N, C-alpha and C. Protein backbone atom coordinates (compact mmCIF):
# COMPACT_ATOMS: atom_id res chain seq x y z
N MET A 1 1.01 -1.08 -0.22
CA MET A 1 -0.25 0.07 0.35
C MET A 1 1.14 1.38 0.10
N ALA A 2 0.65 2.46 -0.60
CA ALA A 2 1.10 3.81 -0.73
C ALA A 2 1.07 4.65 -0.08
N LYS A 3 1.90 4.82 0.86
CA LYS A 3 1.55 6.21 1.61
C LYS A 3 1.02 7.40 0.79
N VAL A 4 -0.07 7.99 1.34
CA VAL A 4 -1.23 8.99 0.76
C VAL A 4 -0.34 10.20 1.50
N ASP A 5 -0.33 11.07 0.68
CA ASP A 5 0.20 12.69 0.52
C ASP A 5 -0.54 13.37 1.88
N GLU A 6 -0.05 13.82 2.67
CA GLU A 6 -0.86 14.42 3.72
C GLU A 6 -1.60 15.73 3.20
N ASN A 7 -0.98 16.50 2.30
CA ASN A 7 -1.30 17.74 1.42
C ASN A 7 -2.48 17.37 0.81
N ALA A 8 -3.07 15.94 0.04
CA ALA A 8 -3.72 15.57 -0.45
C ALA A 8 -4.78 15.21 0.78
N VAL A 9 -4.39 14.40 1.28
CA VAL A 9 -5.59 13.85 2.34
C VAL A 9 -6.46 15.29 2.76
N ASN A 10 -5.66 16.07 3.40
CA ASN A 10 -6.01 17.85 3.89
C ASN A 10 -7.06 17.93 2.83
N ASP A 11 -6.71 18.23 1.03
CA ASP A 11 -7.64 18.65 0.59
C ASP A 11 -8.90 18.32 0.05
N ILE A 12 -8.68 16.50 0.50
CA ILE A 12 -9.70 15.55 0.31
C ILE A 12 -10.53 16.09 1.46
N VAL A 13 -10.23 16.16 2.57
CA VAL A 13 -11.10 16.66 3.57
C VAL A 13 -11.64 18.13 3.33
N SER A 14 -11.03 18.76 3.05
CA SER A 14 -11.48 19.94 2.81
C SER A 14 -12.77 20.38 1.84
N ALA A 15 -12.60 19.43 0.53
CA ALA A 15 -13.92 19.72 -0.96
C ALA A 15 -14.64 19.19 -0.38
N LEU A 16 -14.63 17.44 0.66
CA LEU A 16 -15.51 16.91 1.35
C LEU A 16 -16.28 18.23 2.06
N SER A 17 -16.21 19.07 2.63
CA SER A 17 -16.76 19.47 4.03
C SER A 17 -17.50 20.74 3.23
N LYS A 18 -17.18 21.13 2.15
CA LYS A 18 -17.66 22.26 1.22
C LYS A 18 -18.30 22.04 0.72
N LEU A 19 -18.64 20.50 0.37
CA LEU A 19 -19.74 20.35 -0.11
C LEU A 19 -21.02 19.88 0.13
N GLU A 20 -22.28 20.43 -0.11
CA GLU A 20 -23.47 19.99 0.27
C GLU A 20 -24.36 18.67 -0.53
N TYR A 21 -24.07 18.78 -1.84
CA TYR A 21 -24.31 18.21 -3.05
C TYR A 21 -23.66 17.82 -3.96
N GLY A 22 -23.22 17.26 -4.52
CA GLY A 22 -22.22 16.69 -5.57
C GLY A 22 -21.55 15.80 -5.67
N SER A 23 -20.02 15.51 -5.81
CA SER A 23 -19.00 14.48 -6.18
C SER A 23 -18.34 15.29 -5.74
N LEU A 24 -17.00 13.85 -5.79
CA LEU A 24 -15.62 13.71 -5.80
C LEU A 24 -15.36 13.34 -6.13
N VAL A 25 -14.32 13.29 -6.88
CA VAL A 25 -13.56 12.36 -7.83
C VAL A 25 -11.83 12.13 -7.60
N ILE A 26 -11.58 11.39 -6.88
CA ILE A 26 -10.21 11.07 -6.87
C ILE A 26 -9.46 10.61 -7.60
N THR A 27 -8.55 10.77 -8.60
CA THR A 27 -7.74 9.97 -9.23
C THR A 27 -6.33 9.87 -9.01
N VAL A 28 -6.10 8.06 -9.19
CA VAL A 28 -4.62 7.77 -8.70
C VAL A 28 -4.00 7.17 -9.85
N HIS A 29 -2.93 7.49 -9.76
CA HIS A 29 -1.83 7.14 -10.88
C HIS A 29 -0.75 6.80 -9.66
N ASP A 30 0.07 5.52 -10.12
CA ASP A 30 0.66 5.10 -9.41
C ASP A 30 1.10 4.82 -8.02
N GLY A 31 -0.16 5.07 -7.92
CA GLY A 31 -0.48 4.67 -6.37
C GLY A 31 -0.34 6.03 -5.19
N GLU A 32 -0.67 7.06 -6.22
CA GLU A 32 -0.09 8.47 -5.62
C GLU A 32 -1.30 9.18 -6.24
N VAL A 33 -2.09 9.95 -5.19
CA VAL A 33 -3.06 10.89 -5.88
C VAL A 33 -2.73 12.13 -6.66
N THR A 34 -3.18 12.14 -7.96
CA THR A 34 -2.40 13.08 -9.09
C THR A 34 -3.52 14.49 -8.92
N GLN A 35 -5.24 14.05 -8.76
CA GLN A 35 -6.20 15.30 -9.12
C GLN A 35 -7.11 14.70 -8.36
N ILE A 36 -7.87 15.82 -7.91
CA ILE A 36 -8.84 15.97 -7.07
C ILE A 36 -10.21 16.98 -8.06
N ASP A 37 -11.19 16.02 -8.54
CA ASP A 37 -12.20 17.26 -8.89
C ASP A 37 -13.39 16.93 -8.12
N THR A 38 -14.03 18.27 -8.37
CA THR A 38 -15.51 18.02 -7.45
C THR A 38 -16.26 18.67 -8.70
N THR A 39 -17.73 18.20 -8.02
CA THR A 39 -18.80 18.58 -9.06
C THR A 39 -19.96 18.72 -7.99
N GLU A 40 -20.55 20.30 -7.94
CA GLU A 40 -20.79 20.24 -7.14
C GLU A 40 -22.84 20.40 -7.44
N LYS A 41 -24.05 20.21 -7.26
CA LYS A 41 -25.30 20.47 -7.79
C LYS A 41 -25.61 21.49 -6.92
N LYS A 42 -26.85 22.48 -7.49
CA LYS A 42 -27.51 23.28 -7.09
C LYS A 42 -29.26 22.41 -7.56
N ARG A 43 -30.07 22.97 -6.14
CA ARG A 43 -31.17 21.97 -6.32
C ARG A 43 -32.34 23.39 -6.33
N TYR A 44 -32.70 23.52 -6.96
CA TYR A 44 -34.34 24.29 -6.84
C TYR A 44 -35.50 24.03 -6.35
N LYS A 45 -36.47 24.68 -5.90
CA LYS A 45 -37.76 23.80 -5.73
C LYS A 45 -38.37 24.61 -6.36
N MET A 46 -39.40 23.55 -7.06
CA MET A 46 -40.08 24.20 -8.32
C MET A 46 -41.19 24.72 -7.97
N GLU A 47 -42.11 25.57 -8.67
CA GLU A 47 -43.06 25.81 -8.02
C GLU A 47 -44.16 24.69 -8.70
N ALA A 48 -45.37 24.22 -8.66
CA ALA A 48 -46.21 23.62 -9.49
C ALA A 48 -46.77 24.56 -10.07
N LYS A 49 -47.26 24.05 -11.79
CA LYS A 49 -47.86 25.27 -12.20
C LYS A 49 -49.37 25.05 -12.15
N LYS A 50 -49.92 26.16 -12.85
CA LYS A 50 -50.97 26.51 -12.11
C LYS A 50 -51.93 25.71 -13.23
N ARG A 51 -53.46 24.97 -12.78
CA ARG A 51 -53.96 24.23 -13.66
C ARG A 51 -55.02 25.45 -14.58
N LYS A 52 -54.74 24.98 -15.58
CA LYS A 52 -56.21 26.19 -16.65
C LYS A 52 -56.68 25.51 -16.49
N ALA A 53 -57.44 27.01 -16.36
CA ALA A 53 -59.06 27.02 -15.72
C ALA A 53 -60.09 26.00 -16.64
N GLN A 54 -61.21 25.53 -16.06
CA GLN A 54 -61.64 25.08 -16.97
C GLN A 54 -63.24 25.79 -17.42
């Protein structure tokens, strides 16, 4: 098992703590974290469409 860089771990924890909805992708190459990608989702409540008058 490769040793994980402490800076990478701190960046991962930081990214997770800022993320409310979304995903975190950690890319590993040759046993080392090489990239961290975050995708944040914003969700908005939609109002129900008013029914047409009959």
